Amino acid sequence: RGNAANVIREIWHASGVRGFFVGLTIGYVKVVPMFAVS
C-alpha cells in the first residue's frame, strides 16, 4: 500500500534533510510561470 512513515525513513537515511527537497529547484522553475499565468 505504501506507508508514509517508511517512505520518510527511507528518504532520511538515504539523503537526510536534503532528500525531502529533491527537485525543488525544478519546482520553482515550474511554479513561477504556472502561478503567474494562472
PDB file of all heavy atoms in Angstrom:
ATOM      1  N   ARG A   1       0.818  -1.210   0.000  1.00  0.00           N
ATOM      2  CA  ARG A   1       0.000   0.000   0.000  1.00  0.00           C
ATOM      3  C   ARG A   1       0.854   1.263   0.000  1.00  0.00           C
ATOM      4  O   ARG A   1       0.419   2.309  -0.461  1.00  0.00           O
ATOM      5  CB  ARG A   1      -0.917   0.008   1.231  1.00  0.00           C
ATOM      6  CG  ARG A   1      -1.914  -1.133   1.244  1.00  0.00           C
ATOM      7  CD  ARG A   1      -2.866  -0.992   2.418  1.00  0.00           C
ATOM      8  NE  ARG A   1      -3.860  -2.051   2.435  1.00  0.00           N
ATOM      9  CZ  ARG A   1      -4.869  -2.124   3.293  1.00  0.00           C
ATOM     10  NH1 ARG A   1      -4.999  -1.165   4.218  1.00  0.00           N
ATOM     11  NH2 ARG A   1      -5.731  -3.118   3.243  1.00  0.00           N
ATOM     12  N   GLY A   2       2.030   1.181   0.554  1.00  0.00           N
ATOM     13  CA  GLY A   2       2.854   2.380   0.708  1.00  0.00           C
ATOM     14  C   GLY A   2       2.591   3.016   2.056  1.00  0.00           C
ATOM     15  O   GLY A   2       1.450   3.331   2.381  1.00  0.00           O
ATOM     16  N   ASN A   3       3.623   3.172   2.849  1.00  0.00           N
ATOM     17  CA  ASN A   3       3.488   3.701   4.201  1.00  0.00           C
ATOM     18  C   ASN A   3       4.301   4.975   4.325  1.00  0.00           C
ATOM     19  O   ASN A   3       5.498   4.979   4.039  1.00  0.00           O
ATOM     20  CB  ASN A   3       3.963   2.648   5.210  1.00  0.00           C
ATOM     21  CG  ASN A   3       3.806   3.100   6.645  1.00  0.00           C
ATOM     22  OD1 ASN A   3       4.629   3.852   7.148  1.00  0.00           O
ATOM     23  ND2 ASN A   3       2.742   2.641   7.294  1.00  0.00           N
ATOM     24  N   ALA A   4       3.651   6.047   4.748  1.00  0.00           N
ATOM     25  CA  ALA A   4       4.325   7.346   4.818  1.00  0.00           C
ATOM     26  C   ALA A   4       5.532   7.315   5.748  1.00  0.00           C
ATOM     27  O   ALA A   4       6.590   7.863   5.426  1.00  0.00           O
ATOM     28  CB  ALA A   4       3.337   8.418   5.266  1.00  0.00           C
ATOM     29  N   ALA A   5       5.385   6.638   6.899  1.00  0.00           N
ATOM     30  CA  ALA A   5       6.481   6.577   7.864  1.00  0.00           C
ATOM     31  C   ALA A   5       7.689   5.874   7.259  1.00  0.00           C
ATOM     32  O   ALA A   5       8.839   6.312   7.452  1.00  0.00           O
ATOM     33  CB  ALA A   5       6.022   5.861   9.131  1.00  0.00           C
ATOM     34  N   ASN A   6       7.451   4.789   6.516  1.00  0.00           N
ATOM     35  CA  ASN A   6       8.556   4.068   5.881  1.00  0.00           C
ATOM     36  C   ASN A   6       9.232   4.914   4.813  1.00  0.00           C
ATOM     37  O   ASN A   6      10.461   4.917   4.673  1.00  0.00           O
ATOM     38  CB  ASN A   6       8.046   2.763   5.260  1.00  0.00           C
ATOM     39  CG  ASN A   6       7.645   1.740   6.303  1.00  0.00           C
ATOM     40  OD1 ASN A   6       8.071   1.816   7.450  1.00  0.00           O
ATOM     41  ND2 ASN A   6       6.820   0.792   5.904  1.00  0.00           N
ATOM     42  N   VAL A   7       8.426   5.630   4.036  1.00  0.00           N
ATOM     43  CA  VAL A   7       8.978   6.497   2.990  1.00  0.00           C
ATOM     44  C   VAL A   7       9.836   7.589   3.606  1.00  0.00           C
ATOM     45  O   VAL A   7      10.935   7.886   3.122  1.00  0.00           O
ATOM     46  CB  VAL A   7       7.843   7.120   2.143  1.00  0.00           C
ATOM     47  CG1 VAL A   7       8.401   8.169   1.177  1.00  0.00           C
ATOM     48  CG2 VAL A   7       7.097   6.046   1.372  1.00  0.00           C
ATOM     49  N   ILE A   8       9.350   8.193   4.692  1.00  0.00           N
ATOM     50  CA  ILE A   8      10.103   9.249   5.377  1.00  0.00           C
ATOM     51  C   ILE A   8      11.442   8.713   5.885  1.00  0.00           C
ATOM     52  O   ILE A   8      12.490   9.351   5.728  1.00  0.00           O
ATOM     53  CB  ILE A   8       9.271   9.841   6.540  1.00  0.00           C
ATOM     54  CG1 ILE A   8       8.068  10.609   5.986  1.00  0.00           C
ATOM     55  CG2 ILE A   8      10.132  10.754   7.413  1.00  0.00           C
ATOM     56  CD1 ILE A   8       7.058  11.011   7.029  1.00  0.00           C
ATOM     57  N   ARG A   9      11.414   7.502   6.486  1.00  0.00           N
ATOM     58  CA  ARG A   9      12.653   6.903   6.989  1.00  0.00           C
ATOM     59  C   ARG A   9      13.634   6.624   5.853  1.00  0.00           C
ATOM     60  O   ARG A   9      14.842   6.874   5.986  1.00  0.00           O
ATOM     61  CB  ARG A   9      12.334   5.610   7.744  1.00  0.00           C
ATOM     62  CG  ARG A   9      11.913   5.828   9.191  1.00  0.00           C
ATOM     63  CD  ARG A   9      11.988   4.518   9.976  1.00  0.00           C
ATOM     64  NE  ARG A   9      10.995   3.556   9.475  1.00  0.00           N
ATOM     65  CZ  ARG A   9       9.757   3.462   9.940  1.00  0.00           C
ATOM     66  NH1 ARG A   9       9.350   4.281  10.901  1.00  0.00           N
ATOM     67  NH2 ARG A   9       8.927   2.566   9.448  1.00  0.00           N
ATOM     68  N   GLU A  10      13.129   6.108   4.745  1.00  0.00           N
ATOM     69  CA  GLU A  10      13.998   5.800   3.602  1.00  0.00           C
ATOM     70  C   GLU A  10      14.672   7.060   3.074  1.00  0.00           C
ATOM     71  O   GLU A  10      15.881   7.061   2.783  1.00  0.00           O
ATOM     72  CB  GLU A  10      13.172   5.147   2.488  1.00  0.00           C
ATOM     73  CG  GLU A  10      12.737   3.718   2.800  1.00  0.00           C
ATOM     74  CD  GLU A  10      11.767   3.190   1.753  1.00  0.00           C
ATOM     75  OE1 GLU A  10      11.569   3.884   0.726  1.00  0.00           O
ATOM     76  OE2 GLU A  10      11.211   2.095   1.959  1.00  0.00           O
ATOM     77  N   ILE A  11      13.899   8.123   2.940  1.00  0.00           N
ATOM     78  CA  ILE A  11      14.457   9.378   2.428  1.00  0.00           C
ATOM     79  C   ILE A  11      15.488   9.937   3.408  1.00  0.00           C
ATOM     80  O   ILE A  11      16.573  10.375   3.012  1.00  0.00           O
ATOM     81  CB  ILE A  11      13.334  10.411   2.186  1.00  0.00           C
ATOM     82  CG1 ILE A  11      12.385   9.927   1.088  1.00  0.00           C
ATOM     83  CG2 ILE A  11      13.925  11.770   1.810  1.00  0.00           C
ATOM     84  CD1 ILE A  11      11.134  10.775   0.933  1.00  0.00           C
ATOM     85  N   TRP A  12      15.162   9.900   4.694  1.00  0.00           N
ATOM     86  CA  TRP A  12      16.060  10.437   5.730  1.00  0.00           C
ATOM     87  C   TRP A  12      17.383   9.679   5.763  1.00  0.00           C
ATOM     88  O   TRP A  12      18.461  10.290   5.796  1.00  0.00           O
ATOM     89  CB  TRP A  12      15.371  10.389   7.081  1.00  0.00           C
ATOM     90  CG  TRP A  12      16.257  10.844   8.212  1.00  0.00           C
ATOM     91  CD1 TRP A  12      16.966  10.071   9.083  1.00  0.00           C
ATOM     92  CD2 TRP A  12      16.545  12.204   8.577  1.00  0.00           C
ATOM     93  NE1 TRP A  12      17.668  10.847   9.958  1.00  0.00           N
ATOM     94  CE2 TRP A  12      17.432  12.159   9.670  1.00  0.00           C
ATOM     95  CE3 TRP A  12      16.125  13.433   8.072  1.00  0.00           C
ATOM     96  CZ2 TRP A  12      17.909  13.310  10.277  1.00  0.00           C
ATOM     97  CZ3 TRP A  12      16.609  14.591   8.668  1.00  0.00           C
ATOM     98  CH2 TRP A  12      17.487  14.516   9.760  1.00  0.00           C
ATOM     99  N   HIS A  13      17.312   8.355   5.739  1.00  0.00           N
ATOM    100  CA  HIS A  13      18.534   7.553   5.801  1.00  0.00           C
ATOM    101  C   HIS A  13      19.372   7.698   4.537  1.00  0.00           C
ATOM    102  O   HIS A  13      20.603   7.618   4.586  1.00  0.00           O
ATOM    103  CB  HIS A  13      18.195   6.075   6.018  1.00  0.00           C
ATOM    104  CG  HIS A  13      17.675   5.781   7.398  1.00  0.00           C
ATOM    105  ND1 HIS A  13      18.298   6.239   8.549  1.00  0.00           N
ATOM    106  CD2 HIS A  13      16.585   5.069   7.826  1.00  0.00           C
ATOM    107  CE1 HIS A  13      17.628   5.832   9.613  1.00  0.00           C
ATOM    108  NE2 HIS A  13      16.581   5.122   9.207  1.00  0.00           N
ATOM    109  N   ALA A  14      18.727   7.895   3.403  1.00  0.00           N
ATOM    110  CA  ALA A  14      19.456   7.994   2.136  1.00  0.00           C
ATOM    111  C   ALA A  14      20.083   9.369   1.922  1.00  0.00           C
ATOM    112  O   ALA A  14      21.224   9.477   1.458  1.00  0.00           O
ATOM    113  CB  ALA A  14      18.520   7.668   0.967  1.00  0.00           C
ATOM    114  N   SER A  15      19.359  10.429   2.291  1.00  0.00           N
ATOM    115  CA  SER A  15      19.840  11.771   1.929  1.00  0.00           C
ATOM    116  C   SER A  15      19.717  12.821   3.011  1.00  0.00           C
ATOM    117  O   SER A  15      20.114  13.969   2.794  1.00  0.00           O
ATOM    118  CB  SER A  15      19.075  12.260   0.678  1.00  0.00           C
ATOM    119  OG  SER A  15      19.098  11.304  -0.344  1.00  0.00           O
ATOM    120  N   GLY A  16      19.126  12.470   4.170  1.00  0.00           N
ATOM    121  CA  GLY A  16      18.949  13.461   5.214  1.00  0.00           C
ATOM    122  C   GLY A  16      17.886  14.487   4.843  1.00  0.00           C
ATOM    123  O   GLY A  16      17.006  14.217   4.029  1.00  0.00           O
ATOM    124  N   VAL A  17      18.009  15.689   5.417  1.00  0.00           N
ATOM    125  CA  VAL A  17      17.013  16.734   5.178  1.00  0.00           C
ATOM    126  C   VAL A  17      16.933  17.094   3.695  1.00  0.00           C
ATOM    127  O   VAL A  17      15.848  17.327   3.149  1.00  0.00           O
ATOM    128  CB  VAL A  17      17.349  17.998   6.002  1.00  0.00           C
ATOM    129  CG1 VAL A  17      16.398  19.145   5.639  1.00  0.00           C
ATOM    130  CG2 VAL A  17      17.247  17.699   7.490  1.00  0.00           C
ATOM    131  N   ARG A  18      18.069  17.105   3.007  1.00  0.00           N
ATOM    132  CA  ARG A  18      18.095  17.482   1.593  1.00  0.00           C
ATOM    133  C   ARG A  18      17.233  16.549   0.743  1.00  0.00           C
ATOM    134  O   ARG A  18      16.708  16.954  -0.304  1.00  0.00           O
ATOM    135  CB  ARG A  18      19.522  17.475   1.071  1.00  0.00           C
ATOM    136  CG  ARG A  18      20.399  18.578   1.642  1.00  0.00           C
ATOM    137  CD  ARG A  18      21.765  18.564   1.000  1.00  0.00           C
ATOM    138  NE  ARG A  18      21.699  18.847  -0.432  1.00  0.00           N
ATOM    139  CZ  ARG A  18      22.760  18.833  -1.230  1.00  0.00           C
ATOM    140  NH1 ARG A  18      23.959  18.536  -0.745  1.00  0.00           N
ATOM    141  NH2 ARG A  18      22.621  19.109  -2.512  1.00  0.00           N
ATOM    142  N   GLY A  19      17.087  15.316   1.193  1.00  0.00           N
ATOM    143  CA  GLY A  19      16.308  14.349   0.433  1.00  0.00           C
ATOM    144  C   GLY A  19      14.844  14.736   0.290  1.00  0.00           C
ATOM    145  O   GLY A  19      14.184  14.328  -0.672  1.00  0.00           O
ATOM    146  N   PHE A  20      14.329  15.530   1.240  1.00  0.00           N
ATOM    147  CA  PHE A  20      12.930  15.942   1.195  1.00  0.00           C
ATOM    148  C   PHE A  20      12.700  17.117   0.235  1.00  0.00           C
ATOM    149  O   PHE A  20      11.570  17.558   0.048  1.00  0.00           O
ATOM    150  CB  PHE A  20      12.442  16.321   2.593  1.00  0.00           C
ATOM    151  CG  PHE A  20      12.389  15.161   3.544  1.00  0.00           C
ATOM    152  CD1 PHE A  20      13.442  14.901   4.408  1.00  0.00           C
ATOM    153  CD2 PHE A  20      11.293  14.307   3.551  1.00  0.00           C
ATOM    154  CE1 PHE A  20      13.403  13.815   5.283  1.00  0.00           C
ATOM    155  CE2 PHE A  20      11.248  13.218   4.420  1.00  0.00           C
ATOM    156  CZ  PHE A  20      12.304  12.979   5.276  1.00  0.00           C
ATOM    157  N   PHE A  21      13.791  17.625  -0.324  1.00  0.00           N
ATOM    158  CA  PHE A  21      13.676  18.771  -1.228  1.00  0.00           C
ATOM    159  C   PHE A  21      14.290  18.484  -2.600  1.00  0.00           C
ATOM    160  O   PHE A  21      14.608  19.413  -3.341  1.00  0.00           O
ATOM    161  CB  PHE A  21      14.337  20.002  -0.594  1.00  0.00           C
ATOM    162  CG  PHE A  21      13.623  20.479   0.635  1.00  0.00           C
ATOM    163  CD1 PHE A  21      13.982  20.018   1.892  1.00  0.00           C
ATOM    164  CD2 PHE A  21      12.561  21.372   0.542  1.00  0.00           C
ATOM    165  CE1 PHE A  21      13.305  20.433   3.045  1.00  0.00           C
ATOM    166  CE2 PHE A  21      11.884  21.798   1.676  1.00  0.00           C
ATOM    167  CZ  PHE A  21      12.259  21.326   2.927  1.00  0.00           C
ATOM    168  N   VAL A  22      14.432  17.183  -2.929  1.00  0.00           N
ATOM    169  CA  VAL A  22      14.944  16.809  -4.246  1.00  0.00           C
ATOM    170  C   VAL A  22      13.966  17.300  -5.317  1.00  0.00           C
ATOM    171  O   VAL A  22      12.772  17.017  -5.253  1.00  0.00           O
ATOM    172  CB  VAL A  22      15.119  15.269  -4.351  1.00  0.00           C
ATOM    173  CG1 VAL A  22      15.406  14.867  -5.793  1.00  0.00           C
ATOM    174  CG2 VAL A  22      16.229  14.794  -3.436  1.00  0.00           C
ATOM    175  N   GLY A  23      14.483  18.030  -6.275  1.00  0.00           N
ATOM    176  CA  GLY A  23      13.638  18.548  -7.352  1.00  0.00           C
ATOM    177  C   GLY A  23      12.982  19.873  -7.044  1.00  0.00           C
ATOM    178  O   GLY A  23      12.201  20.383  -7.862  1.00  0.00           O
ATOM    179  N   LEU A  24      13.294  20.475  -5.889  1.00  0.00           N
ATOM    180  CA  LEU A  24      12.652  21.743  -5.524  1.00  0.00           C
ATOM    181  C   LEU A  24      13.019  22.862  -6.485  1.00  0.00           C
ATOM    182  O   LEU A  24      12.179  23.714  -6.811  1.00  0.00           O
ATOM    183  CB  LEU A  24      13.030  22.141  -4.093  1.00  0.00           C
ATOM    184  CG  LEU A  24      12.440  23.465  -3.578  1.00  0.00           C
ATOM    185  CD1 LEU A  24      10.919  23.443  -3.633  1.00  0.00           C
ATOM    186  CD2 LEU A  24      12.916  23.757  -2.156  1.00  0.00           C
ATOM    187  N   THR A  25      14.270  22.856  -6.964  1.00  0.00           N
ATOM    188  CA  THR A  25      14.680  23.884  -7.930  1.00  0.00           C
ATOM    189  C   THR A  25      13.812  23.819  -9.175  1.00  0.00           C
ATOM    190  O   THR A  25      13.358  24.841  -9.701  1.00  0.00           O
ATOM    191  CB  THR A  25      16.164  23.701  -8.317  1.00  0.00           C
ATOM    192  OG1 THR A  25      16.967  23.738  -7.135  1.00  0.00           O
ATOM    193  CG2 THR A  25      16.604  24.808  -9.267  1.00  0.00           C
ATOM    194  N   ILE A  26      13.561  22.586  -9.649  1.00  0.00           N
ATOM    195  CA  ILE A  26      12.671  22.415 -10.802  1.00  0.00           C
ATOM    196  C   ILE A  26      11.274  22.905 -10.435  1.00  0.00           C
ATOM    197  O   ILE A  26      10.576  23.501 -11.257  1.00  0.00           O
ATOM    198  CB  ILE A  26      12.604  20.942 -11.239  1.00  0.00           C
ATOM    199  CG1 ILE A  26      13.993  20.423 -11.555  1.00  0.00           C
ATOM    200  CG2 ILE A  26      11.695  20.781 -12.454  1.00  0.00           C
ATOM    201  CD1 ILE A  26      14.031  18.946 -11.876  1.00  0.00           C
ATOM    202  N   GLY A  27      10.884  22.625  -9.170  1.00  0.00           N
ATOM    203  CA  GLY A  27       9.580  23.088  -8.703  1.00  0.00           C
ATOM    204  C   GLY A  27       9.440  24.588  -8.814  1.00  0.00           C
ATOM    205  O   GLY A  27       8.396  25.093  -9.258  1.00  0.00           O
ATOM    206  N   TYR A  28      10.498  25.307  -8.445  1.00  0.00           N
ATOM    207  CA  TYR A  28      10.469  26.765  -8.558  1.00  0.00           C
ATOM    208  C   TYR A  28      10.359  27.203 -10.012  1.00  0.00           C
ATOM    209  O   TYR A  28       9.580  28.099 -10.357  1.00  0.00           O
ATOM    210  CB  TYR A  28      11.724  27.375  -7.952  1.00  0.00           C
ATOM    211  CG  TYR A  28      11.784  27.346  -6.439  1.00  0.00           C
ATOM    212  CD1 TYR A  28      12.992  27.177  -5.773  1.00  0.00           C
ATOM    213  CD2 TYR A  28      10.630  27.498  -5.678  1.00  0.00           C
ATOM    214  CE1 TYR A  28      13.057  27.154  -4.388  1.00  0.00           C
ATOM    215  CE2 TYR A  28      10.693  27.474  -4.293  1.00  0.00           C
ATOM    216  CZ  TYR A  28      11.902  27.297  -3.654  1.00  0.00           C
ATOM    217  OH  TYR A  28      11.956  27.274  -2.283  1.00  0.00           O
ATOM    218  N   VAL A  29      11.172  26.582 -10.863  1.00  0.00           N
ATOM    219  CA  VAL A  29      11.152  26.929 -12.283  1.00  0.00           C
ATOM    220  C   VAL A  29       9.772  26.660 -12.876  1.00  0.00           C
ATOM    221  O   VAL A  29       9.304  27.370 -13.759  1.00  0.00           O
ATOM    222  CB  VAL A  29      12.232  26.130 -13.049  1.00  0.00           C
ATOM    223  CG1 VAL A  29      12.155  26.414 -14.548  1.00  0.00           C
ATOM    224  CG2 VAL A  29      13.617  26.463 -12.526  1.00  0.00           C
ATOM    225  N   LYS A  30       9.112  25.632 -12.350  1.00  0.00           N
ATOM    226  CA  LYS A  30       7.780  25.261 -12.844  1.00  0.00           C
ATOM    227  C   LYS A  30       6.692  26.181 -12.303  1.00  0.00           C
ATOM    228  O   LYS A  30       5.854  26.677 -13.059  1.00  0.00           O
ATOM    229  CB  LYS A  30       7.484  23.811 -12.454  1.00  0.00           C
ATOM    230  CG  LYS A  30       6.045  23.401 -12.672  1.00  0.00           C
ATOM    231  CD  LYS A  30       5.723  22.117 -11.924  1.00  0.00           C
ATOM    232  CE  LYS A  30       4.230  21.920 -11.784  1.00  0.00           C
ATOM    233  NZ  LYS A  30       3.867  20.755 -10.970  1.00  0.00           N
ATOM    234  N   VAL A  31       6.681  26.397 -10.970  1.00  0.00           N
ATOM    235  CA  VAL A  31       5.534  27.094 -10.370  1.00  0.00           C
ATOM    236  C   VAL A  31       5.521  28.590 -10.651  1.00  0.00           C
ATOM    237  O   VAL A  31       4.440  29.196 -10.667  1.00  0.00           O
ATOM    238  CB  VAL A  31       5.444  26.868  -8.839  1.00  0.00           C
ATOM    239  CG1 VAL A  31       5.309  25.409  -8.507  1.00  0.00           C
ATOM    240  CG2 VAL A  31       6.610  27.510  -8.103  1.00  0.00           C
ATOM    241  N   VAL A  32       6.685  29.201 -10.865  1.00  0.00           N
ATOM    242  CA  VAL A  32       6.690  30.647 -11.108  1.00  0.00           C
ATOM    243  C   VAL A  32       5.881  30.997 -12.361  1.00  0.00           C
ATOM    244  O   VAL A  32       4.939  31.803 -12.285  1.00  0.00           O
ATOM    245  CB  VAL A  32       8.127  31.208 -11.175  1.00  0.00           C
ATOM    246  CG1 VAL A  32       8.113  32.650 -11.680  1.00  0.00           C
ATOM    247  CG2 VAL A  32       8.787  31.152  -9.799  1.00  0.00           C
ATOM    248  N   PRO A  33       6.194  30.403 -13.530  1.00  0.00           N
ATOM    249  CA  PRO A  33       5.347  30.727 -14.698  1.00  0.00           C
ATOM    250  C   PRO A  33       3.927  30.178 -14.571  1.00  0.00           C
ATOM    251  O   PRO A  33       2.967  30.814 -15.025  1.00  0.00           O
ATOM    252  CB  PRO A  33       6.086  30.068 -15.868  1.00  0.00           C
ATOM    253  CG  PRO A  33       6.925  29.011 -15.263  1.00  0.00           C
ATOM    254  CD  PRO A  33       7.314  29.529 -13.912  1.00  0.00           C
ATOM    255  N   MET A  34       3.780  28.999 -13.914  1.00  0.00           N
ATOM    256  CA  MET A  34       2.452  28.392 -13.796  1.00  0.00           C
ATOM    257  C   MET A  34       1.538  29.253 -12.937  1.00  0.00           C
ATOM    258  O   MET A  34       0.395  29.564 -13.325  1.00  0.00           O
ATOM    259  CB  MET A  34       2.557  26.993 -13.183  1.00  0.00           C
ATOM    260  CG  MET A  34       1.246  26.236 -13.154  1.00  0.00           C
ATOM    261  SD  MET A  34       1.392  24.640 -12.326  1.00  0.00           S
ATOM    262  CE  MET A  34       1.395  25.141 -10.602  1.00  0.00           C
ATOM    263  N   PHE A  35       2.001  29.668 -11.764  1.00  0.00           N
ATOM    264  CA  PHE A  35       1.191  30.513 -10.888  1.00  0.00           C
ATOM    265  C   PHE A  35       1.002  31.899 -11.492  1.00  0.00           C
ATOM    266  O   PHE A  35      -0.073  32.488 -11.353  1.00  0.00           O
ATOM    267  CB  PHE A  35       1.848  30.623  -9.503  1.00  0.00           C
ATOM    268  CG  PHE A  35       1.391  29.579  -8.535  1.00  0.00           C
ATOM    269  CD1 PHE A  35       1.680  28.244  -8.742  1.00  0.00           C
ATOM    270  CD2 PHE A  35       0.668  29.923  -7.403  1.00  0.00           C
ATOM    271  CE1 PHE A  35       1.266  27.269  -7.861  1.00  0.00           C
ATOM    272  CE2 PHE A  35       0.244  28.967  -6.501  1.00  0.00           C
ATOM    273  CZ  PHE A  35       0.537  27.627  -6.731  1.00  0.00           C
ATOM    274  N   ALA A  36       2.047  32.412 -12.130  1.00  0.00           N
ATOM    275  CA  ALA A  36       1.929  33.736 -12.747  1.00  0.00           C
ATOM    276  C   ALA A  36       0.822  33.740 -13.796  1.00  0.00           C
ATOM    277  O   ALA A  36      -0.048  34.627 -13.796  1.00  0.00           O
ATOM    278  CB  ALA A  36       3.271  34.134 -13.377  1.00  0.00           C
ATOM    279  N   VAL A  37       0.819  32.724 -14.658  1.00  0.00           N
ATOM    280  CA  VAL A  37      -0.184  32.652 -15.723  1.00  0.00           C
ATOM    281  C   VAL A  37      -1.573  32.363 -15.159  1.00  0.00           C
ATOM    282  O   VAL A  37      -2.569  32.978 -15.571  1.00  0.00           O
ATOM    283  CB  VAL A  37       0.205  31.589 -16.769  1.00  0.00           C
ATOM    284  CG1 VAL A  37      -0.928  31.363 -17.770  1.00  0.00           C
ATOM    285  CG2 VAL A  37       1.473  32.001 -17.500  1.00  0.00           C
ATOM    286  N   SER A  38      -1.656  31.415 -14.200  1.00  0.00           N
ATOM    287  CA  SER A  38      -2.978  31.030 -13.683  1.00  0.00           C
ATOM    288  C   SER A  38      -3.633  32.159 -12.896  1.00  0.00           C
ATOM    289  O   SER A  38      -4.826  32.455 -13.095  1.00  0.00           O
ATOM    290  CB  SER A  38      -2.874  29.770 -12.813  1.00  0.00           C
ATOM    291  OG  SER A  38      -2.036  29.987 -11.696  1.00  0.00           O
TER     292      SER A  38
END
